[in-house]
């Protein structure tokens, strides 16, 4: 959280396989948005793995705007992966 510029990153989102498809992550993101909005935050963003459709779908569903892809940006377990950038204005 950047208290000076009133923006925050939603990151490291994952759901245990046993609980997938139940809307848990969507509810967590909604709750975070409500809390941050109440604290006066203006912008939320996420850098997420392009290869993972679930988190990209959830962010899109919550009206985050896809703003681009960073190619081979992040080394995950020894392999470079593309990262999608999502942004949402909340206030």
C-alpha atoms as a PDB file:
ATOM      1  CA  UNK A   1       0.000   0.000   0.000  1.00  0.00           C
ATOM      2  CA  UNK A   2       1.256   3.417  -0.965  1.00  0.00           C
ATOM      3  CA  UNK A   3      -0.239   5.698   1.668  1.00  0.00           C
ATOM      4  CA  UNK A   4       1.279   8.842   0.138  1.00  0.00           C
ATOM      5  CA  UNK A   5      -0.162   8.324  -3.361  1.00  0.00           C
ATOM      6  CA  UNK A   6      -3.243   6.389  -2.209  1.00  0.00           C
ATOM      7  CA  UNK A   7      -2.763   3.306  -4.374  1.00  0.00           C
ATOM      8  CA  UNK A   8      -2.463  -0.364  -3.488  1.00  0.00           C
ATOM      9  CA  UNK A   9      -1.487  -3.595  -5.219  1.00  0.00           C
ATOM     10  CA  UNK A  10      -3.580  -6.726  -5.095  1.00  0.00           C
ATOM     11  CA  UNK A  11      -1.041  -9.512  -5.373  1.00  0.00           C
ATOM     12  CA  UNK A  12      -0.310 -13.180  -4.740  1.00  0.00           C
ATOM     13  CA  UNK A  13      -3.900 -14.312  -5.223  1.00  0.00           C
ATOM     14  CA  UNK A  14      -4.552 -18.052  -5.262  1.00  0.00           C
ATOM     15  CA  UNK A  15      -7.265 -20.451  -4.180  1.00  0.00           C
ATOM     16  CA  UNK A  16      -6.747 -23.985  -2.930  1.00  0.00           C
ATOM     17  CA  UNK A  17      -8.015 -26.475  -5.544  1.00  0.00           C
ATOM     18  CA  UNK A  18     -10.615 -27.821  -3.102  1.00  0.00           C
ATOM     19  CA  UNK A  19     -12.261 -24.378  -2.881  1.00  0.00           C
ATOM     20  CA  UNK A  20     -12.073 -23.182  -6.493  1.00  0.00           C
ATOM     21  CA  UNK A  21     -15.216 -22.145  -8.312  1.00  0.00           C
ATOM     22  CA  UNK A  22     -16.955 -20.891  -5.167  1.00  0.00           C
ATOM     23  CA  UNK A  23     -16.264 -17.176  -5.655  1.00  0.00           C
ATOM     24  CA  UNK A  24     -13.921 -16.923  -2.678  1.00  0.00           C
ATOM     25  CA  UNK A  25     -11.275 -14.847  -4.449  1.00  0.00           C
ATOM     26  CA  UNK A  26     -13.931 -12.547  -5.903  1.00  0.00           C
ATOM     27  CA  UNK A  27     -15.280 -11.960  -2.384  1.00  0.00           C
ATOM     28  CA  UNK A  28     -11.799 -11.303  -0.985  1.00  0.00           C
ATOM     29  CA  UNK A  29     -11.067  -8.748  -3.712  1.00  0.00           C
ATOM     30  CA  UNK A  30     -14.435  -7.045  -3.172  1.00  0.00           C
ATOM     31  CA  UNK A  31     -13.775  -6.850   0.569  1.00  0.00           C
ATOM     32  CA  UNK A  32     -10.304  -5.380  -0.002  1.00  0.00           C
ATOM     33  CA  UNK A  33     -11.772  -2.805  -2.386  1.00  0.00           C
ATOM     34  CA  UNK A  34     -14.377  -1.739   0.177  1.00  0.00           C
ATOM     35  CA  UNK A  35     -11.793  -1.387   2.947  1.00  0.00           C
ATOM     36  CA  UNK A  36      -9.370   0.566   0.773  1.00  0.00           C
ATOM     37  CA  UNK A  37     -12.096   2.829  -0.596  1.00  0.00           C
ATOM     38  CA  UNK A  38     -13.207   3.631   2.974  1.00  0.00           C
ATOM     39  CA  UNK A  39      -9.594   4.605   3.743  1.00  0.00           C
ATOM     40  CA  UNK A  40      -9.563   7.038   0.832  1.00  0.00           C
ATOM     41  CA  UNK A  41      -7.461   5.049  -1.620  1.00  0.00           C
ATOM     42  CA  UNK A  42      -7.875   6.104  -5.241  1.00  0.00           C
ATOM     43  CA  UNK A  43      -6.357   3.359  -7.358  1.00  0.00           C
ATOM     44  CA  UNK A  44      -5.831  -0.391  -7.149  1.00  0.00           C
ATOM     45  CA  UNK A  45      -3.657  -2.431  -9.469  1.00  0.00           C
ATOM     46  CA  UNK A  46      -2.488  -5.978 -10.006  1.00  0.00           C
ATOM     47  CA  UNK A  47       0.357  -7.630 -11.867  1.00  0.00           C
ATOM     48  CA  UNK A  48      -0.736 -11.196 -12.489  1.00  0.00           C
ATOM     49  CA  UNK A  49       0.482 -14.168 -14.447  1.00  0.00           C
ATOM     50  CA  UNK A  50      -0.794 -13.964 -18.021  1.00  0.00           C
ATOM     51  CA  UNK A  51      -0.938 -17.764 -18.201  1.00  0.00           C
ATOM     52  CA  UNK A  52      -3.417 -17.981 -15.302  1.00  0.00           C
ATOM     53  CA  UNK A  53      -6.943 -17.374 -16.623  1.00  0.00           C
ATOM     54  CA  UNK A  54      -8.627 -17.426 -13.193  1.00  0.00           C
ATOM     55  CA  UNK A  55      -7.140 -14.283 -11.671  1.00  0.00           C
ATOM     56  CA  UNK A  56      -7.395 -12.432 -14.989  1.00  0.00           C
ATOM     57  CA  UNK A  57     -11.088 -13.346 -15.192  1.00  0.00           C
ATOM     58  CA  UNK A  58     -11.773 -12.214 -11.614  1.00  0.00           C
ATOM     59  CA  UNK A  59     -10.066  -8.855 -12.151  1.00  0.00           C
ATOM     60  CA  UNK A  60     -11.951  -8.310 -15.411  1.00  0.00           C
ATOM     61  CA  UNK A  61     -15.222  -9.238 -13.700  1.00  0.00           C
ATOM     62  CA  UNK A  62     -14.506  -6.601 -11.030  1.00  0.00           C
ATOM     63  CA  UNK A  63     -14.070  -3.882 -13.669  1.00  0.00           C
ATOM     64  CA  UNK A  64     -10.290  -3.666 -13.577  1.00  0.00           C
ATOM     65  CA  UNK A  65      -8.960  -2.333 -16.869  1.00  0.00           C
ATOM     66  CA  UNK A  66      -6.367  -4.410 -18.704  1.00  0.00           C
ATOM     67  CA  UNK A  67      -3.566  -1.953 -19.450  1.00  0.00           C
ATOM     68  CA  UNK A  68      -0.903  -4.180 -20.963  1.00  0.00           C
ATOM     69  CA  UNK A  69       1.412  -7.146 -20.691  1.00  0.00           C
ATOM     70  CA  UNK A  70       5.034  -7.237 -19.607  1.00  0.00           C
ATOM     71  CA  UNK A  71       6.715 -10.000 -21.620  1.00  0.00           C
ATOM     72  CA  UNK A  72       9.153 -12.331 -19.830  1.00  0.00           C
ATOM     73  CA  UNK A  73       9.000 -10.029 -16.825  1.00  0.00           C
ATOM     74  CA  UNK A  74       8.944 -12.342 -13.832  1.00  0.00           C
ATOM     75  CA  UNK A  75      11.093 -15.355 -12.962  1.00  0.00           C
ATOM     76  CA  UNK A  76       8.762 -17.918 -11.409  1.00  0.00           C
ATOM     77  CA  UNK A  77      10.389 -21.223 -10.439  1.00  0.00           C
ATOM     78  CA  UNK A  78      13.195 -20.734 -12.960  1.00  0.00           C
ATOM     79  CA  UNK A  79      10.996 -19.782 -15.923  1.00  0.00           C
ATOM     80  CA  UNK A  80      10.309 -16.251 -17.098  1.00  0.00           C
ATOM     81  CA  UNK A  81       6.607 -15.506 -17.476  1.00  0.00           C
ATOM     82  CA  UNK A  82       4.497 -12.721 -18.945  1.00  0.00           C
ATOM     83  CA  UNK A  83       2.620 -10.547 -16.469  1.00  0.00           C
ATOM     84  CA  UNK A  84      -0.663  -8.747 -17.159  1.00  0.00           C
ATOM     85  CA  UNK A  85      -1.288  -5.301 -15.670  1.00  0.00           C
ATOM     86  CA  UNK A  86      -4.795  -4.479 -14.390  1.00  0.00           C
ATOM     87  CA  UNK A  87      -5.859  -1.102 -12.920  1.00  0.00           C
ATOM     88  CA  UNK A  88      -9.034   0.159 -11.233  1.00  0.00           C
ATOM     89  CA  UNK A  89      -9.988   3.615  -9.968  1.00  0.00           C
ATOM     90  CA  UNK A  90     -12.129   3.262  -6.828  1.00  0.00           C
ATOM     91  CA  UNK A  91     -12.687   6.878  -5.698  1.00  0.00           C
END
